[in-house]
């Protein structure tokens, strides 16, 4: 990633994020809709060219094109991928005014 890009995490457990030492975003935990986090992440990453997303392999469908993801490997019994907005399928892309549940995590505290 280059300076100025924002990293989001989809499908990460809270304890993983708490070990992260840079600002990031995530899309909630234990949501009622299993696909809600994946869809919000897809809208978020496709809404800005400077967004990148780390997501679990089981979150690829139905919003991401597997051919456009960068495989990051196996960790914590899951396969992980890096996505840019170009990996999001048209049906899941950001639309103006689209509601997205985004939680900003900044370990350095308020600025």
C-alpha atoms as a PDB file:
ATOM      1  CA  UNK A   1       0.000   0.000   0.000  1.00  0.00           C
ATOM      2  CA  UNK A   2       1.133   3.515  -0.668  1.00  0.00           C
ATOM      3  CA  UNK A   3       0.803   6.481   1.712  1.00  0.00           C
ATOM      4  CA  UNK A   4      -2.705   7.879   1.850  1.00  0.00           C
ATOM      5  CA  UNK A   5      -4.468   4.580   1.289  1.00  0.00           C
ATOM      6  CA  UNK A   6      -6.893   3.306   3.928  1.00  0.00           C
ATOM      7  CA  UNK A   7      -7.068  -0.349   4.891  1.00  0.00           C
ATOM      8  CA  UNK A   8     -10.297  -2.083   5.856  1.00  0.00           C
ATOM      9  CA  UNK A   9     -10.765  -5.502   7.427  1.00  0.00           C
ATOM     10  CA  UNK A  10     -13.717  -7.774   6.708  1.00  0.00           C
ATOM     11  CA  UNK A  11     -14.179 -10.966   8.645  1.00  0.00           C
ATOM     12  CA  UNK A  12     -11.449 -10.267  11.173  1.00  0.00           C
ATOM     13  CA  UNK A  13     -12.073 -11.127  14.774  1.00  0.00           C
ATOM     14  CA  UNK A  14     -11.952  -8.232  17.167  1.00  0.00           C
ATOM     15  CA  UNK A  15      -8.815  -9.497  18.914  1.00  0.00           C
ATOM     16  CA  UNK A  16      -6.914  -9.375  15.591  1.00  0.00           C
ATOM     17  CA  UNK A  17      -7.831  -5.750  15.062  1.00  0.00           C
ATOM     18  CA  UNK A  18      -6.801  -4.839  18.593  1.00  0.00           C
ATOM     19  CA  UNK A  19      -3.286  -6.046  17.745  1.00  0.00           C
ATOM     20  CA  UNK A  20      -3.168  -3.759  14.701  1.00  0.00           C
ATOM     21  CA  UNK A  21      -1.171  -0.572  15.274  1.00  0.00           C
ATOM     22  CA  UNK A  22      -2.319   1.607  12.328  1.00  0.00           C
ATOM     23  CA  UNK A  23      -5.628   3.339  11.578  1.00  0.00           C
ATOM     24  CA  UNK A  24      -8.079   1.054   9.801  1.00  0.00           C
ATOM     25  CA  UNK A  25     -11.783   0.467   9.314  1.00  0.00           C
ATOM     26  CA  UNK A  26     -13.988  -2.554   9.838  1.00  0.00           C
ATOM     27  CA  UNK A  27     -17.623  -3.334   9.288  1.00  0.00           C
ATOM     28  CA  UNK A  28     -18.900  -4.661  12.600  1.00  0.00           C
ATOM     29  CA  UNK A  29     -18.958  -8.003  14.344  1.00  0.00           C
ATOM     30  CA  UNK A  30     -21.674 -10.577  14.927  1.00  0.00           C
ATOM     31  CA  UNK A  31     -24.120  -8.989  12.539  1.00  0.00           C
ATOM     32  CA  UNK A  32     -27.623 -10.346  11.998  1.00  0.00           C
ATOM     33  CA  UNK A  33     -27.067 -10.679   8.256  1.00  0.00           C
ATOM     34  CA  UNK A  34     -24.068 -12.885   7.452  1.00  0.00           C
ATOM     35  CA  UNK A  35     -23.631 -11.189   4.082  1.00  0.00           C
ATOM     36  CA  UNK A  36     -24.101  -7.668   5.473  1.00  0.00           C
ATOM     37  CA  UNK A  37     -20.465  -7.234   6.453  1.00  0.00           C
ATOM     38  CA  UNK A  38     -19.269  -8.434   3.044  1.00  0.00           C
ATOM     39  CA  UNK A  39     -21.687  -6.153   1.172  1.00  0.00           C
ATOM     40  CA  UNK A  40     -20.780  -3.103   3.296  1.00  0.00           C
ATOM     41  CA  UNK A  41     -17.079  -3.860   2.771  1.00  0.00           C
ATOM     42  CA  UNK A  42     -17.622  -4.126  -1.001  1.00  0.00           C
ATOM     43  CA  UNK A  43     -19.437  -0.778  -1.121  1.00  0.00           C
ATOM     44  CA  UNK A  44     -16.739   0.833   1.002  1.00  0.00           C
ATOM     45  CA  UNK A  45     -13.744  -0.434  -1.003  1.00  0.00           C
ATOM     46  CA  UNK A  46     -15.384   0.438  -4.326  1.00  0.00           C
ATOM     47  CA  UNK A  47     -16.239   3.959  -3.165  1.00  0.00           C
ATOM     48  CA  UNK A  48     -12.680   5.325  -3.176  1.00  0.00           C
ATOM     49  CA  UNK A  49      -9.570   4.456  -5.219  1.00  0.00           C
ATOM     50  CA  UNK A  50      -7.458   4.791  -2.052  1.00  0.00           C
ATOM     51  CA  UNK A  51      -9.334   2.069  -0.158  1.00  0.00           C
ATOM     52  CA  UNK A  52      -7.987  -1.476   0.167  1.00  0.00           C
ATOM     53  CA  UNK A  53      -9.659  -4.378   1.917  1.00  0.00           C
ATOM     54  CA  UNK A  54      -8.392  -7.540   3.608  1.00  0.00           C
ATOM     55  CA  UNK A  55     -11.134 -10.175   3.597  1.00  0.00           C
ATOM     56  CA  UNK A  56     -11.627 -13.832   4.480  1.00  0.00           C
ATOM     57  CA  UNK A  57     -12.056 -16.325   1.677  1.00  0.00           C
ATOM     58  CA  UNK A  58     -15.618 -17.193   2.697  1.00  0.00           C
ATOM     59  CA  UNK A  59     -16.588 -13.538   2.133  1.00  0.00           C
ATOM     60  CA  UNK A  60     -15.573 -13.429  -1.536  1.00  0.00           C
ATOM     61  CA  UNK A  61     -19.028 -14.437  -2.830  1.00  0.00           C
ATOM     62  CA  UNK A  62     -21.307 -12.800  -3.915  1.00  0.00           C
ATOM     63  CA  UNK A  63     -19.567  -9.407  -4.205  1.00  0.00           C
ATOM     64  CA  UNK A  64     -15.964  -9.987  -5.295  1.00  0.00           C
ATOM     65  CA  UNK A  65     -14.377 -11.314  -8.484  1.00  0.00           C
ATOM     66  CA  UNK A  66     -11.834 -13.938  -7.323  1.00  0.00           C
ATOM     67  CA  UNK A  67      -9.693 -13.272 -10.416  1.00  0.00           C
ATOM     68  CA  UNK A  68      -9.113  -9.683  -9.274  1.00  0.00           C
ATOM     69  CA  UNK A  69      -8.121 -10.468  -5.672  1.00  0.00           C
ATOM     70  CA  UNK A  70      -4.565 -10.813  -4.417  1.00  0.00           C
ATOM     71  CA  UNK A  71      -4.139 -13.990  -2.356  1.00  0.00           C
ATOM     72  CA  UNK A  72      -2.470 -13.294   0.982  1.00  0.00           C
ATOM     73  CA  UNK A  73      -2.320 -16.891   2.210  1.00  0.00           C
ATOM     74  CA  UNK A  74      -3.664 -19.072   5.002  1.00  0.00           C
ATOM     75  CA  UNK A  75      -3.720 -17.827   8.597  1.00  0.00           C
ATOM     76  CA  UNK A  76      -5.913 -18.643  11.594  1.00  0.00           C
ATOM     77  CA  UNK A  77      -7.578 -21.482   9.612  1.00  0.00           C
ATOM     78  CA  UNK A  78      -8.824 -19.061   6.914  1.00  0.00           C
ATOM     79  CA  UNK A  79      -7.654 -17.955   3.480  1.00  0.00           C
ATOM     80  CA  UNK A  80      -7.204 -14.178   3.180  1.00  0.00           C
ATOM     81  CA  UNK A  81      -7.302 -11.841   0.192  1.00  0.00           C
ATOM     82  CA  UNK A  82      -6.536  -8.205  -0.586  1.00  0.00           C
ATOM     83  CA  UNK A  83      -9.092  -6.330  -2.683  1.00  0.00           C
ATOM     84  CA  UNK A  84      -9.191  -2.993  -4.433  1.00  0.00           C
ATOM     85  CA  UNK A  85     -12.407  -1.461  -5.733  1.00  0.00           C
ATOM     86  CA  UNK A  86     -11.801  -3.045  -9.137  1.00  0.00           C
ATOM     87  CA  UNK A  87     -12.461  -6.492  -7.602  1.00  0.00           C
ATOM     88  CA  UNK A  88     -16.049  -5.604  -6.630  1.00  0.00           C
ATOM     89  CA  UNK A  89     -18.779  -6.961  -8.902  1.00  0.00           C
ATOM     90  CA  UNK A  90     -21.222  -4.365 -10.344  1.00  0.00           C
ATOM     91  CA  UNK A  91     -24.202  -5.436  -8.212  1.00  0.00           C
ATOM     92  CA  UNK A  92     -22.261  -4.654  -5.015  1.00  0.00           C
ATOM     93  CA  UNK A  93     -20.562  -1.409  -6.030  1.00  0.00           C
ATOM     94  CA  UNK A  94     -21.070   1.822  -4.128  1.00  0.00           C
ATOM     95  CA  UNK A  95     -23.983   3.940  -5.239  1.00  0.00           C
ATOM     96  CA  UNK A  96     -24.389   7.552  -4.237  1.00  0.00           C
ATOM     97  CA  UNK A  97     -26.042   7.668  -0.854  1.00  0.00           C
ATOM     98  CA  UNK A  98     -25.493   3.944  -0.229  1.00  0.00           C
ATOM     99  CA  UNK A  99     -25.607   3.189   3.490  1.00  0.00           C
ATOM    100  CA  UNK A 100     -22.437   1.536   4.714  1.00  0.00           C
ATOM    101  CA  UNK A 101     -21.680   0.486   8.280  1.00  0.00           C
ATOM    102  CA  UNK A 102     -18.054   1.564   8.760  1.00  0.00           C
ATOM    103  CA  UNK A 103     -16.243   1.674  12.077  1.00  0.00           C
ATOM    104  CA  UNK A 104     -12.992   3.636  12.177  1.00  0.00           C
ATOM    105  CA  UNK A 105     -10.310   2.124  14.368  1.00  0.00           C
ATOM    106  CA  UNK A 106      -7.431   4.412  15.326  1.00  0.00           C
ATOM    107  CA  UNK A 107      -5.078   2.984  17.973  1.00  0.00           C
ATOM    108  CA  UNK A 108      -3.387   6.375  18.384  1.00  0.00           C
ATOM    109  CA  UNK A 109      -6.603   7.847  19.812  1.00  0.00           C
ATOM    110  CA  UNK A 110      -8.544  10.993  18.871  1.00  0.00           C
ATOM    111  CA  UNK A 111      -6.716  13.542  16.760  1.00  0.00           C
END
